[in-house]
């Protein structure tokens, strides 16, 4: 699982200029990516694909409360052990840049959510790798935005269709 920031759109639009992008956001929330990578085709690898890509906080901090989304501590704990500790200033692509880019190939609508990425310390890249298992407690926190806590559950097993 990875701690990420999500940006919630306040207004729609396309071809949004970077300088106007932050003013169009409604706010920010925590997001925890948690999709299994095994079994996904190479072009779809990553936690943000599929029907159950992760967990989102049930609240949003409005954009006026976060004047600079690139100066926030972002942390993850697994079973009480801190496994990620970074700052949004480490983002490779800033929020405005992401909005500008995404709006060049799709029309963004009010209420759209943009997941902005993870801090360093992703489990697969650790030595040794660190993977979550059913029963693990994962917590993500972003300074001034919120704290999200989930317990990992076993994925439901698909039942075969009844024979006719």
N, C-alpha and C. Protein backbone atom coordinates (compact mmCIF):
# COMPACT_ATOMS: atom_id res chain seq x y z
N UNK A 1 0.83 -1.18 0.00
CA UNK A 1 0.00 0.00 0.00
C UNK A 1 0.87 1.24 0.00
N UNK A 2 0.41 2.27 -0.63
CA UNK A 2 1.19 3.49 -0.74
C UNK A 2 0.32 4.67 -0.36
N UNK A 3 0.94 5.62 0.29
CA UNK A 3 0.27 6.85 0.69
C UNK A 3 0.37 7.83 -0.47
N UNK A 4 -0.72 8.36 -0.89
CA UNK A 4 -0.71 9.30 -2.01
C UNK A 4 -1.65 10.45 -1.71
N UNK A 5 -1.50 11.51 -2.48
CA UNK A 5 -2.38 12.66 -2.35
C UNK A 5 -3.31 12.66 -3.54
N UNK A 6 -4.59 12.95 -3.28
CA UNK A 6 -5.50 13.11 -4.39
C UNK A 6 -6.00 14.54 -4.43
N UNK A 7 -6.13 15.05 -5.61
CA UNK A 7 -6.63 16.39 -5.84
C UNK A 7 -8.04 16.26 -6.40
N UNK A 8 -9.00 16.94 -5.82
CA UNK A 8 -10.38 16.89 -6.27
C UNK A 8 -10.68 18.16 -7.05
N UNK A 9 -11.17 18.00 -8.25
CA UNK A 9 -11.44 19.13 -9.13
C UNK A 9 -12.67 19.89 -8.66
N UNK A 10 -12.58 21.22 -8.70
CA UNK A 10 -13.70 22.08 -8.35
C UNK A 10 -14.45 22.55 -9.58
N UNK A 11 -13.71 22.70 -10.69
CA UNK A 11 -14.31 23.14 -11.96
C UNK A 11 -13.81 22.26 -13.08
N UNK A 12 -14.61 22.18 -14.12
CA UNK A 12 -14.23 21.41 -15.29
C UNK A 12 -13.39 22.25 -16.24
N UNK A 13 -12.92 21.61 -17.28
CA UNK A 13 -12.20 22.31 -18.32
C UNK A 13 -11.23 21.42 -19.04
N UNK A 14 -10.72 21.93 -20.14
CA UNK A 14 -9.68 21.23 -20.87
C UNK A 14 -8.64 22.25 -21.30
N UNK A 15 -7.45 21.77 -21.61
CA UNK A 15 -6.33 22.63 -21.95
C UNK A 15 -6.13 23.72 -20.89
N UNK A 16 -6.10 23.30 -19.64
CA UNK A 16 -5.93 24.21 -18.51
C UNK A 16 -4.49 24.69 -18.44
N UNK A 17 -4.29 26.00 -18.36
CA UNK A 17 -2.96 26.56 -18.22
C UNK A 17 -2.44 26.27 -16.81
N UNK A 18 -1.16 25.95 -16.71
CA UNK A 18 -0.55 25.61 -15.42
C UNK A 18 -0.80 26.70 -14.38
N UNK A 19 -0.72 27.97 -14.78
CA UNK A 19 -0.90 29.06 -13.84
C UNK A 19 -2.30 29.14 -13.25
N UNK A 20 -3.29 28.58 -13.94
CA UNK A 20 -4.68 28.61 -13.46
C UNK A 20 -5.09 27.29 -12.81
N UNK A 21 -4.26 26.27 -12.91
CA UNK A 21 -4.66 24.93 -12.49
C UNK A 21 -5.01 24.82 -11.01
N UNK A 22 -4.18 25.37 -10.12
CA UNK A 22 -4.46 25.23 -8.69
C UNK A 22 -5.74 25.94 -8.29
N UNK A 23 -6.07 27.04 -8.96
CA UNK A 23 -7.29 27.77 -8.61
C UNK A 23 -8.54 27.00 -8.99
N UNK A 24 -8.41 25.97 -9.82
CA UNK A 24 -9.57 25.19 -10.24
C UNK A 24 -9.82 23.97 -9.36
N UNK A 25 -8.92 23.71 -8.41
CA UNK A 25 -9.10 22.57 -7.53
C UNK A 25 -10.03 22.88 -6.38
N UNK A 26 -10.86 21.91 -6.02
CA UNK A 26 -11.76 22.07 -4.88
C UNK A 26 -11.04 21.78 -3.59
N UNK A 27 -10.11 20.80 -3.61
CA UNK A 27 -9.41 20.46 -2.39
C UNK A 27 -8.56 19.23 -2.54
N UNK A 28 -8.11 18.71 -1.38
CA UNK A 28 -7.17 17.60 -1.33
C UNK A 28 -7.65 16.57 -0.31
N UNK A 29 -7.23 15.32 -0.53
CA UNK A 29 -7.58 14.25 0.37
C UNK A 29 -6.45 13.23 0.38
N UNK A 30 -6.52 12.26 1.29
CA UNK A 30 -5.55 11.16 1.32
C UNK A 30 -6.07 10.02 0.46
N UNK A 31 -5.15 9.29 -0.09
CA UNK A 31 -5.49 8.11 -0.89
C UNK A 31 -4.47 7.04 -0.59
N UNK A 32 -4.93 5.81 -0.49
CA UNK A 32 -4.03 4.68 -0.27
C UNK A 32 -4.20 3.71 -1.42
N UNK A 33 -3.17 3.65 -2.27
CA UNK A 33 -3.19 2.68 -3.36
C UNK A 33 -2.97 1.30 -2.77
N UNK A 34 -3.64 0.32 -3.32
CA UNK A 34 -3.48 -1.00 -2.74
C UNK A 34 -3.87 -2.12 -3.67
N UNK A 35 -3.73 -1.93 -4.93
CA UNK A 35 -4.09 -2.94 -5.91
C UNK A 35 -2.94 -3.93 -6.08
N UNK A 36 -3.25 -5.20 -6.14
CA UNK A 36 -2.23 -6.21 -6.39
C UNK A 36 -1.69 -6.05 -7.80
N UNK A 37 -0.39 -6.20 -7.95
CA UNK A 37 0.22 -6.07 -9.27
C UNK A 37 0.27 -7.40 -10.00
N UNK A 38 0.28 -8.51 -9.28
CA UNK A 38 0.41 -9.81 -9.94
C UNK A 38 -0.78 -10.07 -10.85
N UNK A 39 -0.49 -10.64 -12.00
CA UNK A 39 -1.55 -11.03 -12.92
C UNK A 39 -2.03 -9.92 -13.83
N UNK A 40 -1.53 -8.71 -13.67
CA UNK A 40 -1.94 -7.63 -14.55
C UNK A 40 -1.06 -7.62 -15.78
N UNK A 41 -1.65 -7.36 -16.97
CA UNK A 41 -0.80 -7.24 -18.16
C UNK A 41 0.17 -6.08 -17.99
N UNK A 42 1.36 -6.14 -18.63
CA UNK A 42 2.38 -5.10 -18.45
C UNK A 42 1.86 -3.69 -18.69
N UNK A 43 0.95 -3.50 -19.64
CA UNK A 43 0.48 -2.14 -19.93
C UNK A 43 -0.45 -1.61 -18.85
N UNK A 44 -0.89 -2.46 -17.90
CA UNK A 44 -1.81 -2.01 -16.86
C UNK A 44 -1.23 -2.18 -15.47
N UNK A 45 0.06 -2.42 -15.33
CA UNK A 45 0.64 -2.59 -14.01
C UNK A 45 0.52 -1.31 -13.21
N UNK A 46 0.30 -1.47 -11.93
CA UNK A 46 0.17 -0.33 -11.05
C UNK A 46 -1.08 -0.48 -10.22
N UNK A 47 -1.13 0.24 -9.13
CA UNK A 47 -2.23 0.10 -8.19
C UNK A 47 -3.49 0.83 -8.59
N UNK A 48 -3.43 1.69 -9.58
CA UNK A 48 -4.58 2.54 -9.88
C UNK A 48 -5.45 2.00 -10.99
N UNK A 49 -5.32 0.72 -11.31
CA UNK A 49 -6.16 0.12 -12.34
C UNK A 49 -7.04 -0.94 -11.70
N UNK A 50 -8.09 -1.29 -12.37
CA UNK A 50 -8.98 -2.33 -11.89
C UNK A 50 -10.17 -1.76 -11.14
N UNK A 51 -11.02 -2.67 -10.66
CA UNK A 51 -12.26 -2.25 -10.01
C UNK A 51 -12.07 -1.77 -8.59
N UNK A 52 -11.03 -2.21 -7.90
CA UNK A 52 -10.80 -1.81 -6.51
C UNK A 52 -9.38 -1.29 -6.36
N UNK A 53 -9.12 -0.08 -6.85
CA UNK A 53 -7.74 0.40 -6.87
C UNK A 53 -7.17 0.83 -5.53
N UNK A 54 -7.98 1.12 -4.53
CA UNK A 54 -7.44 1.55 -3.25
C UNK A 54 -8.52 2.17 -2.39
N UNK A 55 -8.08 2.99 -1.44
CA UNK A 55 -9.02 3.61 -0.50
C UNK A 55 -8.81 5.11 -0.51
N UNK A 56 -9.91 5.82 -0.42
CA UNK A 56 -9.87 7.27 -0.39
C UNK A 56 -10.45 7.73 0.94
N UNK A 57 -9.90 8.84 1.44
CA UNK A 57 -10.41 9.38 2.70
C UNK A 57 -11.87 9.83 2.51
N UNK A 58 -12.66 9.75 3.54
CA UNK A 58 -14.08 10.14 3.41
C UNK A 58 -14.29 11.65 3.54
N UNK A 59 -13.24 12.44 3.48
CA UNK A 59 -13.35 13.89 3.61
C UNK A 59 -12.37 14.54 2.64
N UNK A 60 -12.52 15.85 2.51
CA UNK A 60 -11.65 16.63 1.66
C UNK A 60 -11.31 17.93 2.38
N UNK A 61 -10.03 18.30 2.35
CA UNK A 61 -9.61 19.59 2.88
C UNK A 61 -9.68 20.58 1.72
N UNK A 62 -10.40 21.66 1.89
CA UNK A 62 -10.60 22.59 0.78
C UNK A 62 -9.29 23.28 0.40
N UNK A 63 -9.20 23.62 -0.87
CA UNK A 63 -7.97 24.19 -1.43
C UNK A 63 -7.55 25.48 -0.71
N UNK A 64 -8.51 26.26 -0.23
CA UNK A 64 -8.14 27.52 0.45
C UNK A 64 -7.41 27.27 1.77
N UNK A 65 -7.51 26.06 2.32
CA UNK A 65 -6.80 25.70 3.55
C UNK A 65 -5.38 25.22 3.28
N UNK A 66 -5.05 24.98 2.02
CA UNK A 66 -3.73 24.47 1.63
C UNK A 66 -3.17 25.41 0.57
N UNK A 67 -2.56 26.52 0.99
CA UNK A 67 -2.06 27.48 0.00
C UNK A 67 -0.95 26.92 -0.88
N UNK A 68 -0.14 25.97 -0.36
CA UNK A 68 0.92 25.37 -1.16
C UNK A 68 0.88 23.85 -0.97
N UNK A 69 0.33 23.11 -1.94
CA UNK A 69 0.23 21.66 -1.79
C UNK A 69 1.58 20.95 -1.92
N UNK A 70 2.65 21.70 -2.10
CA UNK A 70 3.98 21.12 -2.29
C UNK A 70 4.87 21.32 -1.07
N UNK A 71 4.26 21.51 0.11
CA UNK A 71 5.02 21.68 1.36
C UNK A 71 4.33 20.92 2.49
N UNK A 72 3.97 19.67 2.26
CA UNK A 72 3.23 18.89 3.24
C UNK A 72 3.95 17.57 3.54
N UNK A 73 4.11 17.26 4.82
CA UNK A 73 4.66 15.96 5.21
C UNK A 73 3.67 14.87 4.80
N UNK A 74 4.20 13.75 4.32
CA UNK A 74 3.37 12.62 3.88
C UNK A 74 4.02 11.35 4.43
N UNK A 75 3.23 10.57 5.19
CA UNK A 75 3.78 9.41 5.91
C UNK A 75 2.85 8.20 5.80
N UNK A 76 3.45 7.01 5.91
CA UNK A 76 2.70 5.76 5.91
C UNK A 76 3.21 4.88 7.04
N UNK A 77 2.29 4.23 7.74
CA UNK A 77 2.63 3.26 8.78
C UNK A 77 2.00 1.92 8.41
N UNK A 78 2.75 0.85 8.61
CA UNK A 78 2.24 -0.51 8.43
C UNK A 78 2.36 -1.20 9.78
N UNK A 79 1.22 -1.56 10.36
CA UNK A 79 1.17 -2.19 11.68
C UNK A 79 1.94 -1.37 12.72
N UNK A 80 1.79 -0.05 12.65
CA UNK A 80 2.41 0.85 13.62
C UNK A 80 3.85 1.22 13.32
N UNK A 81 4.45 0.63 12.30
CA UNK A 81 5.85 0.93 11.94
C UNK A 81 5.86 1.90 10.76
N UNK A 82 6.56 3.03 10.93
CA UNK A 82 6.62 4.02 9.85
C UNK A 82 7.43 3.44 8.70
N UNK A 83 6.81 3.37 7.50
CA UNK A 83 7.47 2.79 6.34
C UNK A 83 7.67 3.80 5.21
N UNK A 84 7.04 4.95 5.30
CA UNK A 84 7.27 6.03 4.34
C UNK A 84 7.25 7.34 5.11
N UNK A 85 8.19 8.24 4.79
CA UNK A 85 8.26 9.53 5.44
C UNK A 85 8.90 10.50 4.45
N UNK A 86 8.10 11.37 3.87
CA UNK A 86 8.60 12.25 2.83
C UNK A 86 7.84 13.57 2.89
N UNK A 87 7.95 14.35 1.85
CA UNK A 87 7.26 15.64 1.77
C UNK A 87 6.79 15.82 0.33
N UNK A 88 5.66 16.46 0.15
CA UNK A 88 5.12 16.64 -1.20
C UNK A 88 6.03 17.49 -2.07
N UNK A 89 6.99 18.20 -1.50
CA UNK A 89 7.94 18.96 -2.33
C UNK A 89 8.81 18.01 -3.15
N UNK A 90 8.85 16.72 -2.80
CA UNK A 90 9.62 15.72 -3.54
C UNK A 90 8.88 15.21 -4.78
N UNK A 91 7.67 15.66 -4.99
CA UNK A 91 6.90 15.18 -6.15
C UNK A 91 7.67 15.49 -7.44
N UNK A 92 7.72 14.51 -8.33
CA UNK A 92 8.40 14.70 -9.61
C UNK A 92 7.62 15.70 -10.47
N UNK A 93 6.29 15.58 -10.46
CA UNK A 93 5.42 16.49 -11.20
C UNK A 93 4.47 17.14 -10.21
N UNK A 94 4.44 18.46 -10.17
CA UNK A 94 3.57 19.18 -9.26
C UNK A 94 2.11 19.08 -9.66
N UNK A 95 1.23 19.44 -8.75
CA UNK A 95 -0.21 19.35 -8.97
C UNK A 95 -0.63 20.15 -10.20
N UNK A 96 -0.19 21.39 -10.31
CA UNK A 96 -0.58 22.23 -11.46
C UNK A 96 -0.09 21.62 -12.77
N UNK A 97 1.12 21.07 -12.75
CA UNK A 97 1.67 20.45 -13.96
C UNK A 97 0.83 19.24 -14.37
N UNK A 98 0.42 18.43 -13.39
CA UNK A 98 -0.40 17.26 -13.68
C UNK A 98 -1.75 17.66 -14.27
N UNK A 99 -2.38 18.66 -13.66
CA UNK A 99 -3.68 19.13 -14.17
C UNK A 99 -3.52 19.65 -15.60
N UNK A 100 -2.50 20.44 -15.82
CA UNK A 100 -2.25 20.99 -17.16
C UNK A 100 -2.10 19.85 -18.17
N UNK A 101 -1.28 18.86 -17.86
CA UNK A 101 -1.02 17.76 -18.77
C UNK A 101 -2.28 16.92 -19.01
N UNK A 102 -2.94 16.49 -17.94
CA UNK A 102 -4.13 15.64 -18.10
C UNK A 102 -5.20 16.35 -18.92
N UNK A 103 -5.33 17.64 -18.72
CA UNK A 103 -6.38 18.38 -19.44
C UNK A 103 -6.08 18.55 -20.93
N UNK A 104 -4.89 18.15 -21.38
CA UNK A 104 -4.59 18.22 -22.82
C UNK A 104 -5.19 17.04 -23.58
N UNK A 105 -5.50 15.94 -22.89
CA UNK A 105 -6.05 14.78 -23.60
C UNK A 105 -7.41 14.33 -23.08
N UNK A 106 -7.92 14.98 -22.03
CA UNK A 106 -9.27 14.66 -21.57
C UNK A 106 -9.89 15.89 -20.93
N UNK A 107 -11.19 15.99 -21.04
CA UNK A 107 -11.89 17.09 -20.39
C UNK A 107 -12.09 16.73 -18.93
N UNK A 108 -11.60 17.57 -18.03
CA UNK A 108 -11.78 17.36 -16.60
C UNK A 108 -13.10 17.97 -16.17
N UNK A 109 -13.80 17.29 -15.28
CA UNK A 109 -15.09 17.76 -14.78
C UNK A 109 -15.00 18.01 -13.28
N UNK A 110 -15.88 18.86 -12.78
CA UNK A 110 -15.96 19.08 -11.34
C UNK A 110 -16.20 17.73 -10.67
N UNK A 111 -15.45 17.47 -9.62
CA UNK A 111 -15.57 16.20 -8.90
C UNK A 111 -14.57 15.15 -9.33
N UNK A 112 -13.89 15.35 -10.46
CA UNK A 112 -12.86 14.40 -10.87
C UNK A 112 -11.76 14.36 -9.82
N UNK A 113 -11.15 13.20 -9.67
CA UNK A 113 -10.08 13.00 -8.71
C UNK A 113 -8.81 12.65 -9.46
N UNK A 114 -7.73 13.32 -9.11
CA UNK A 114 -6.42 13.05 -9.71
C UNK A 114 -5.51 12.54 -8.61
N UNK A 115 -5.00 11.32 -8.77
CA UNK A 115 -4.08 10.73 -7.81
C UNK A 115 -2.68 11.18 -8.22
N UNK A 116 -1.94 11.77 -7.26
CA UNK A 116 -0.70 12.45 -7.65
C UNK A 116 0.57 11.65 -7.44
N UNK A 117 0.54 10.50 -6.85
CA UNK A 117 1.76 9.70 -6.73
C UNK A 117 2.16 9.41 -5.30
N UNK A 118 3.20 8.59 -5.16
CA UNK A 118 3.64 8.08 -3.87
C UNK A 118 4.99 8.62 -3.47
N UNK A 119 5.22 8.74 -2.16
CA UNK A 119 6.57 9.06 -1.71
C UNK A 119 7.47 7.83 -1.82
N UNK A 120 8.77 8.04 -1.60
CA UNK A 120 9.71 6.92 -1.63
C UNK A 120 9.39 5.91 -0.54
N UNK A 121 9.87 4.69 -0.70
CA UNK A 121 9.69 3.65 0.30
C UNK A 121 8.64 2.63 -0.07
N UNK A 122 8.26 2.57 -1.36
CA UNK A 122 7.27 1.60 -1.82
C UNK A 122 7.78 0.19 -1.52
N UNK A 123 6.88 -0.66 -1.00
CA UNK A 123 7.25 -1.99 -0.53
C UNK A 123 8.00 -2.86 -1.51
N UNK A 124 7.62 -2.84 -2.78
CA UNK A 124 8.27 -3.70 -3.77
C UNK A 124 9.73 -3.30 -3.99
N UNK A 125 10.06 -2.04 -3.76
CA UNK A 125 11.43 -1.56 -4.00
C UNK A 125 12.31 -1.64 -2.75
N UNK A 126 11.75 -2.11 -1.63
CA UNK A 126 12.54 -2.23 -0.41
C UNK A 126 13.41 -3.49 -0.47
N UNK A 127 14.46 -3.49 0.35
CA UNK A 127 15.31 -4.67 0.48
C UNK A 127 15.28 -5.10 1.94
N UNK A 128 14.67 -6.23 2.29
CA UNK A 128 13.88 -7.07 1.40
C UNK A 128 12.53 -6.41 1.09
N UNK A 129 11.84 -6.87 0.02
CA UNK A 129 10.54 -6.29 -0.31
C UNK A 129 9.57 -6.43 0.87
N UNK A 130 8.65 -5.48 0.97
CA UNK A 130 7.66 -5.46 2.05
C UNK A 130 6.27 -5.43 1.43
N UNK A 131 5.52 -6.49 1.62
CA UNK A 131 4.18 -6.58 1.05
C UNK A 131 3.14 -6.70 2.15
N UNK A 132 1.97 -6.14 1.92
CA UNK A 132 0.89 -6.24 2.90
C UNK A 132 0.20 -7.59 2.76
N UNK A 133 -0.41 -8.01 3.87
CA UNK A 133 -1.16 -9.27 3.88
C UNK A 133 -2.46 -9.05 4.65
N UNK A 134 -3.43 -9.92 4.47
CA UNK A 134 -4.69 -9.77 5.20
C UNK A 134 -4.45 -9.62 6.70
N UNK A 135 -5.16 -8.67 7.29
CA UNK A 135 -5.04 -8.40 8.72
C UNK A 135 -4.10 -7.25 9.04
N UNK A 136 -3.23 -6.87 8.09
CA UNK A 136 -2.33 -5.74 8.31
C UNK A 136 -3.13 -4.44 8.41
N UNK A 137 -2.63 -3.54 9.26
CA UNK A 137 -3.24 -2.21 9.40
C UNK A 137 -2.34 -1.21 8.70
N UNK A 138 -2.88 -0.50 7.72
CA UNK A 138 -2.13 0.49 6.96
C UNK A 138 -2.73 1.87 7.23
N UNK A 139 -1.86 2.81 7.55
CA UNK A 139 -2.30 4.18 7.82
C UNK A 139 -1.50 5.14 6.95
N UNK A 140 -2.19 6.11 6.39
CA UNK A 140 -1.53 7.15 5.61
C UNK A 140 -1.95 8.50 6.18
N UNK A 141 -1.01 9.42 6.19
CA UNK A 141 -1.28 10.74 6.74
C UNK A 141 -0.58 11.79 5.89
N UNK A 142 -1.31 12.85 5.59
CA UNK A 142 -0.72 14.00 4.92
C UNK A 142 -1.01 15.21 5.80
N UNK A 143 0.07 15.89 6.15
CA UNK A 143 -0.01 17.07 7.02
C UNK A 143 -1.11 18.01 6.54
N UNK A 144 -1.94 18.46 7.49
CA UNK A 144 -3.02 19.42 7.26
C UNK A 144 -4.16 18.91 6.38
N UNK A 145 -4.02 17.67 5.88
CA UNK A 145 -5.07 17.12 5.02
C UNK A 145 -5.84 16.02 5.73
N UNK A 146 -5.14 15.06 6.34
CA UNK A 146 -5.88 14.02 7.05
C UNK A 146 -5.09 12.76 7.28
N UNK A 147 -5.78 11.80 7.87
CA UNK A 147 -5.22 10.51 8.27
C UNK A 147 -6.22 9.45 7.84
N UNK A 148 -5.76 8.46 7.09
CA UNK A 148 -6.61 7.39 6.58
C UNK A 148 -6.08 6.07 7.12
N UNK A 149 -6.96 5.23 7.66
CA UNK A 149 -6.56 3.96 8.25
C UNK A 149 -7.44 2.84 7.69
N UNK A 150 -6.80 1.76 7.23
CA UNK A 150 -7.53 0.61 6.70
C UNK A 150 -6.90 -0.67 7.20
N UNK A 151 -7.69 -1.72 7.30
CA UNK A 151 -7.19 -3.06 7.57
C UNK A 151 -7.29 -3.82 6.25
N UNK A 152 -6.22 -4.49 5.89
CA UNK A 152 -6.16 -5.21 4.63
C UNK A 152 -7.00 -6.49 4.74
N UNK A 153 -7.83 -6.72 3.73
CA UNK A 153 -8.69 -7.91 3.70
C UNK A 153 -8.33 -8.76 2.49
N UNK A 154 -8.59 -10.03 2.60
CA UNK A 154 -8.37 -10.96 1.49
C UNK A 154 -9.34 -10.59 0.37
N UNK A 155 -8.85 -10.58 -0.86
CA UNK A 155 -9.71 -10.29 -2.00
C UNK A 155 -10.74 -11.40 -2.13
N UNK A 156 -12.00 -11.04 -2.43
CA UNK A 156 -13.02 -12.09 -2.60
C UNK A 156 -12.68 -12.98 -3.79
N UNK A 157 -12.98 -14.25 -3.66
CA UNK A 157 -12.74 -15.20 -4.74
C UNK A 157 -13.98 -15.23 -5.62
N UNK A 158 -13.78 -15.09 -6.92
CA UNK A 158 -14.88 -15.11 -7.87
C UNK A 158 -15.50 -16.50 -7.87
N UNK A 159 -16.82 -16.54 -7.81
CA UNK A 159 -17.55 -17.81 -7.84
C UNK A 159 -17.89 -18.15 -9.29
N UNK A 160 -17.75 -19.42 -9.68
CA UNK A 160 -18.11 -19.80 -11.05
C UNK A 160 -19.60 -19.60 -11.29
N UNK A 161 -19.94 -19.29 -12.51
CA UNK A 161 -21.35 -19.10 -12.88
C UNK A 161 -22.05 -20.45 -12.79
N UNK A 162 -23.31 -20.45 -12.32
CA UNK A 162 -24.03 -21.73 -12.22
C UNK A 162 -24.25 -22.34 -13.60
N UNK A 163 -24.14 -23.68 -13.68
CA UNK A 163 -24.36 -24.40 -14.95
C UNK A 163 -25.85 -24.41 -15.25
N UNK A 164 -26.17 -24.35 -16.53
CA UNK A 164 -27.59 -24.37 -16.94
C UNK A 164 -28.04 -25.74 -17.26
